[in-house]
Amino acid sequence: MYSARDRVEQEEWLAEMNRAADSLELGADAKSTAEDLFLSNVPESERSKPAVAAAALYAAALLSGEERAQTEVADAMDVSRLSVQQRWKPLLEEAGFRPPTW
């Protein structure tokens, strides 16, 4: 879980995620879930934050039934598709979900 301070400290990344979610035309549920996934798994390294934010968006889109391609999400967040691919399943597992095996 995360604190209100986490939300304030990560305001820049949450705004970037919101911008990307808008460009992907994701709904409010997907946006909220993406924020929760990101804030619950914020990496220490600034360098890793874009990839984790993108993976959170991708995973949230899946959970909300608004599937988007990994490439679309990666492009919206300006990261590589591989960054999304490597991180989305661990994010779901950390949140208590069982990711698909495909």
N, C-alpha and C. Protein backbone atom coordinates (compact mmCIF):
# COMPACT_ATOMS: atom_id res chain seq x y z
N MET A 1 0.84 -1.18 0.00
CA MET A 1 0.00 0.00 0.00
C MET A 1 0.88 1.24 0.00
N TYR A 2 0.30 2.35 -0.28
CA TYR A 2 1.06 3.59 -0.35
C TYR A 2 0.38 4.66 0.49
N SER A 3 1.13 5.71 0.76
CA SER A 3 0.61 6.80 1.58
C SER A 3 0.25 8.01 0.72
N ALA A 4 -0.42 8.96 1.33
CA ALA A 4 -0.76 10.20 0.62
C ALA A 4 0.52 10.93 0.21
N ARG A 5 1.56 10.81 1.00
CA ARG A 5 2.83 11.44 0.66
C ARG A 5 3.40 10.86 -0.63
N ASP A 6 3.23 9.55 -0.84
CA ASP A 6 3.70 8.92 -2.08
C ASP A 6 3.03 9.58 -3.28
N ARG A 7 1.74 9.84 -3.17
CA ARG A 7 1.01 10.47 -4.27
C ARG A 7 1.59 11.86 -4.56
N VAL A 8 1.90 12.62 -3.52
CA VAL A 8 2.46 13.96 -3.69
C VAL A 8 3.86 13.86 -4.29
N GLU A 9 4.68 12.95 -3.76
CA GLU A 9 6.06 12.82 -4.24
C GLU A 9 6.13 12.34 -5.69
N GLN A 10 5.15 11.60 -6.12
CA GLN A 10 5.15 11.05 -7.48
C GLN A 10 4.20 11.81 -8.42
N GLU A 11 3.83 13.02 -8.05
CA GLU A 11 2.88 13.81 -8.82
C GLU A 11 3.28 13.95 -10.29
N GLU A 12 4.56 14.16 -10.53
CA GLU A 12 5.05 14.30 -11.91
C GLU A 12 4.78 13.03 -12.73
N TRP A 13 5.04 11.87 -12.14
CA TRP A 13 4.83 10.61 -12.85
C TRP A 13 3.35 10.30 -13.02
N LEU A 14 2.56 10.65 -12.03
CA LEU A 14 1.11 10.45 -12.15
C LEU A 14 0.54 11.32 -13.27
N ALA A 15 1.04 12.53 -13.39
CA ALA A 15 0.60 13.41 -14.48
C ALA A 15 1.00 12.84 -15.83
N GLU A 16 2.20 12.30 -15.91
CA GLU A 16 2.66 11.69 -17.16
C GLU A 16 1.82 10.46 -17.51
N MET A 17 1.51 9.67 -16.51
CA MET A 17 0.66 8.51 -16.73
C MET A 17 -0.74 8.93 -17.20
N ASN A 18 -1.26 9.98 -16.60
CA ASN A 18 -2.59 10.48 -16.98
C ASN A 18 -2.59 10.97 -18.42
N ARG A 19 -1.51 11.66 -18.81
CA ARG A 19 -1.38 12.14 -20.18
C ARG A 19 -1.36 10.95 -21.15
N ALA A 20 -0.58 9.93 -20.81
CA ALA A 20 -0.49 8.74 -21.67
C ALA A 20 -1.82 8.01 -21.71
N ALA A 21 -2.49 7.90 -20.57
CA ALA A 21 -3.79 7.23 -20.53
C ALA A 21 -4.81 7.96 -21.40
N ASP A 22 -4.76 9.28 -21.38
CA ASP A 22 -5.65 10.06 -22.24
C ASP A 22 -5.35 9.80 -23.71
N SER A 23 -4.07 9.74 -24.06
CA SER A 23 -3.72 9.50 -25.46
C SER A 23 -4.12 8.08 -25.90
N LEU A 24 -4.17 7.16 -24.94
CA LEU A 24 -4.61 5.79 -25.22
C LEU A 24 -6.13 5.64 -25.10
N GLU A 25 -6.80 6.72 -24.72
CA GLU A 25 -8.25 6.74 -24.53
C GLU A 25 -8.71 5.71 -23.50
N LEU A 26 -7.98 5.64 -22.39
CA LEU A 26 -8.35 4.74 -21.30
C LEU A 26 -9.35 5.44 -20.38
N GLY A 27 -10.24 4.66 -19.80
CA GLY A 27 -11.26 5.20 -18.92
C GLY A 27 -10.75 5.46 -17.51
N ALA A 28 -11.64 6.00 -16.70
CA ALA A 28 -11.29 6.38 -15.33
C ALA A 28 -10.87 5.18 -14.48
N ASP A 29 -11.51 4.03 -14.66
CA ASP A 29 -11.15 2.84 -13.88
C ASP A 29 -9.72 2.41 -14.19
N ALA A 30 -9.37 2.40 -15.47
CA ALA A 30 -8.01 2.00 -15.86
C ALA A 30 -6.99 2.99 -15.31
N LYS A 31 -7.30 4.28 -15.37
CA LYS A 31 -6.38 5.31 -14.86
C LYS A 31 -6.16 5.13 -13.35
N SER A 32 -7.25 4.93 -12.63
CA SER A 32 -7.15 4.77 -11.19
C SER A 32 -6.36 3.52 -10.81
N THR A 33 -6.63 2.44 -11.51
CA THR A 33 -5.91 1.18 -11.25
C THR A 33 -4.43 1.34 -11.56
N ALA A 34 -4.12 2.01 -12.66
CA ALA A 34 -2.72 2.24 -13.03
C ALA A 34 -2.00 3.04 -11.95
N GLU A 35 -2.65 4.07 -11.45
CA GLU A 35 -2.05 4.87 -10.38
C GLU A 35 -1.79 4.01 -9.14
N ASP A 36 -2.77 3.20 -8.77
CA ASP A 36 -2.60 2.33 -7.60
C ASP A 36 -1.45 1.35 -7.79
N LEU A 37 -1.38 0.73 -8.97
CA LEU A 37 -0.30 -0.21 -9.25
C LEU A 37 1.06 0.48 -9.19
N PHE A 38 1.14 1.66 -9.79
CA PHE A 38 2.42 2.39 -9.80
C PHE A 38 2.82 2.81 -8.39
N LEU A 39 1.89 3.44 -7.66
CA LEU A 39 2.22 3.94 -6.33
C LEU A 39 2.54 2.82 -5.35
N SER A 40 2.02 1.65 -5.59
CA SER A 40 2.33 0.51 -4.73
C SER A 40 3.66 -0.13 -5.06
N ASN A 41 4.26 0.26 -6.19
CA ASN A 41 5.50 -0.36 -6.65
C ASN A 41 6.51 0.65 -7.18
N VAL A 42 6.53 1.84 -6.63
CA VAL A 42 7.44 2.88 -7.11
C VAL A 42 8.88 2.42 -6.87
N PRO A 43 9.67 2.37 -7.94
CA PRO A 43 11.07 1.97 -7.77
C PRO A 43 11.90 3.10 -7.16
N GLU A 44 12.99 2.73 -6.55
CA GLU A 44 13.91 3.72 -5.97
C GLU A 44 14.55 4.57 -7.06
N SER A 45 14.94 3.92 -8.13
CA SER A 45 15.67 4.58 -9.21
C SER A 45 14.75 5.40 -10.11
N GLU A 46 15.09 6.65 -10.31
CA GLU A 46 14.34 7.51 -11.23
C GLU A 46 14.34 6.90 -12.64
N ARG A 47 15.42 6.25 -12.97
CA ARG A 47 15.58 5.67 -14.30
C ARG A 47 14.55 4.57 -14.58
N SER A 48 14.11 3.88 -13.54
CA SER A 48 13.15 2.78 -13.68
C SER A 48 11.69 3.22 -13.67
N LYS A 49 11.43 4.43 -13.22
CA LYS A 49 10.05 4.88 -13.06
C LYS A 49 9.25 4.91 -14.36
N PRO A 50 9.81 5.36 -15.49
CA PRO A 50 9.01 5.36 -16.72
C PRO A 50 8.55 3.95 -17.11
N ALA A 51 9.42 2.98 -16.97
CA ALA A 51 9.07 1.61 -17.34
C ALA A 51 8.01 1.03 -16.42
N VAL A 52 8.12 1.30 -15.12
CA VAL A 52 7.13 0.80 -14.17
C VAL A 52 5.79 1.50 -14.40
N ALA A 53 5.82 2.78 -14.70
CA ALA A 53 4.59 3.52 -14.99
C ALA A 53 3.91 2.95 -16.24
N ALA A 54 4.69 2.67 -17.26
CA ALA A 54 4.13 2.09 -18.49
C ALA A 54 3.56 0.71 -18.23
N ALA A 55 4.27 -0.10 -17.47
CA ALA A 55 3.78 -1.45 -17.15
C ALA A 55 2.49 -1.36 -16.33
N ALA A 56 2.41 -0.40 -15.43
CA ALA A 56 1.20 -0.21 -14.64
C ALA A 56 0.02 0.16 -15.54
N LEU A 57 0.26 1.02 -16.51
CA LEU A 57 -0.80 1.39 -17.46
C LEU A 57 -1.26 0.18 -18.26
N TYR A 58 -0.31 -0.59 -18.75
CA TYR A 58 -0.66 -1.78 -19.54
C TYR A 58 -1.47 -2.77 -18.71
N ALA A 59 -0.99 -3.05 -17.50
CA ALA A 59 -1.68 -4.01 -16.63
C ALA A 59 -3.07 -3.50 -16.26
N ALA A 60 -3.18 -2.22 -15.97
CA ALA A 60 -4.48 -1.64 -15.61
C ALA A 60 -5.46 -1.71 -16.78
N ALA A 61 -4.96 -1.50 -17.98
CA ALA A 61 -5.82 -1.60 -19.16
C ALA A 61 -6.36 -3.03 -19.29
N LEU A 62 -5.51 -4.01 -19.05
CA LEU A 62 -5.96 -5.40 -19.09
C LEU A 62 -7.02 -5.68 -18.04
N LEU A 63 -6.75 -5.23 -16.82
CA LEU A 63 -7.67 -5.49 -15.71
C LEU A 63 -9.04 -4.83 -15.94
N SER A 64 -9.03 -3.69 -16.58
CA SER A 64 -10.29 -2.96 -16.78
C SER A 64 -11.01 -3.36 -18.06
N GLY A 65 -10.43 -4.29 -18.82
CA GLY A 65 -11.05 -4.74 -20.05
C GLY A 65 -10.85 -3.77 -21.22
N GLU A 66 -9.86 -2.89 -21.09
CA GLU A 66 -9.56 -1.92 -22.14
C GLU A 66 -8.19 -2.22 -22.75
N GLU A 67 -7.99 -3.46 -23.15
CA GLU A 67 -6.69 -3.92 -23.61
C GLU A 67 -6.08 -2.99 -24.67
N ARG A 68 -4.80 -2.75 -24.50
CA ARG A 68 -4.01 -2.01 -25.48
C ARG A 68 -2.75 -2.83 -25.75
N ALA A 69 -2.19 -2.68 -26.92
CA ALA A 69 -0.95 -3.38 -27.25
C ALA A 69 0.20 -2.83 -26.41
N GLN A 70 1.13 -3.71 -26.07
CA GLN A 70 2.30 -3.26 -25.32
C GLN A 70 3.02 -2.15 -26.05
N THR A 71 3.10 -2.25 -27.35
CA THR A 71 3.78 -1.23 -28.15
C THR A 71 3.07 0.11 -28.04
N GLU A 72 1.74 0.11 -28.06
CA GLU A 72 0.97 1.35 -27.93
C GLU A 72 1.26 2.03 -26.58
N VAL A 73 1.24 1.24 -25.53
CA VAL A 73 1.48 1.78 -24.19
C VAL A 73 2.92 2.27 -24.08
N ALA A 74 3.85 1.48 -24.58
CA ALA A 74 5.26 1.87 -24.53
C ALA A 74 5.48 3.18 -25.28
N ASP A 75 4.88 3.31 -26.45
CA ASP A 75 5.04 4.54 -27.22
C ASP A 75 4.43 5.73 -26.49
N ALA A 76 3.28 5.54 -25.86
CA ALA A 76 2.63 6.62 -25.12
C ALA A 76 3.46 7.09 -23.94
N MET A 77 4.24 6.18 -23.35
CA MET A 77 5.08 6.52 -22.20
C MET A 77 6.54 6.73 -22.59
N ASP A 78 6.84 6.61 -23.87
CA ASP A 78 8.20 6.82 -24.38
C ASP A 78 9.22 5.88 -23.75
N VAL A 79 8.86 4.59 -23.70
CA VAL A 79 9.76 3.54 -23.25
C VAL A 79 9.74 2.43 -24.29
N SER A 80 10.60 1.45 -24.13
CA SER A 80 10.61 0.33 -25.08
C SER A 80 9.50 -0.67 -24.73
N ARG A 81 9.05 -1.39 -25.74
CA ARG A 81 8.04 -2.43 -25.52
C ARG A 81 8.58 -3.48 -24.55
N LEU A 82 9.86 -3.78 -24.66
CA LEU A 82 10.49 -4.76 -23.79
C LEU A 82 10.38 -4.34 -22.32
N SER A 83 10.47 -3.05 -22.05
CA SER A 83 10.31 -2.56 -20.67
C SER A 83 8.94 -2.91 -20.11
N VAL A 84 7.92 -2.74 -20.93
CA VAL A 84 6.56 -3.09 -20.51
C VAL A 84 6.45 -4.59 -20.35
N GLN A 85 6.93 -5.33 -21.33
CA GLN A 85 6.83 -6.79 -21.34
C GLN A 85 7.47 -7.39 -20.09
N GLN A 86 8.60 -6.88 -19.66
CA GLN A 86 9.32 -7.46 -18.53
C GLN A 86 8.71 -7.11 -17.18
N ARG A 87 7.89 -6.07 -17.11
CA ARG A 87 7.45 -5.59 -15.81
C ARG A 87 5.98 -5.77 -15.48
N TRP A 88 5.11 -5.97 -16.47
CA TRP A 88 3.69 -5.95 -16.15
C TRP A 88 3.23 -7.15 -15.33
N LYS A 89 3.75 -8.33 -15.60
CA LYS A 89 3.32 -9.51 -14.83
C LYS A 89 3.75 -9.42 -13.37
N PRO A 90 5.01 -9.05 -13.08
CA PRO A 90 5.38 -8.90 -11.67
C PRO A 90 4.54 -7.85 -10.93
N LEU A 91 4.12 -6.79 -11.63
CA LEU A 91 3.26 -5.79 -10.99
C LEU A 91 1.92 -6.41 -10.58
N LEU A 92 1.35 -7.20 -11.48
CA LEU A 92 0.08 -7.85 -11.16
C LEU A 92 0.24 -8.84 -10.02
N GLU A 93 1.32 -9.63 -10.06
CA GLU A 93 1.56 -10.59 -8.99
C GLU A 93 1.73 -9.90 -7.64
N GLU A 94 2.47 -8.80 -7.64
CA GLU A 94 2.69 -8.04 -6.41
C GLU A 94 1.37 -7.50 -5.85
N ALA A 95 0.44 -7.19 -6.74
CA ALA A 95 -0.87 -6.67 -6.33
C ALA A 95 -1.85 -7.79 -5.95
N GLY A 96 -1.43 -9.05 -6.07
CA GLY A 96 -2.28 -10.17 -5.67
C GLY A 96 -3.09 -10.79 -6.79
N PHE A 97 -2.80 -10.41 -8.04
CA PHE A 97 -3.50 -11.00 -9.18
C PHE A 97 -2.66 -12.12 -9.77
N ARG A 98 -3.32 -13.03 -10.44
CA ARG A 98 -2.61 -14.09 -11.15
C ARG A 98 -2.63 -13.70 -12.63
N PRO A 99 -1.47 -13.30 -13.16
CA PRO A 99 -1.43 -12.87 -14.56
C PRO A 99 -1.70 -14.03 -15.51
N PRO A 100 -2.21 -13.71 -16.69
CA PRO A 100 -2.43 -14.78 -17.69
C PRO A 100 -1.11 -15.44 -18.08
N THR A 101 -1.20 -16.65 -18.57
CA THR A 101 0.01 -17.39 -18.93
C THR A 101 0.33 -17.32 -20.41
N TRP A 102 -0.42 -16.55 -21.17
CA TRP A 102 -0.15 -16.47 -22.60
C TRP A 102 1.01 -15.60 -22.91
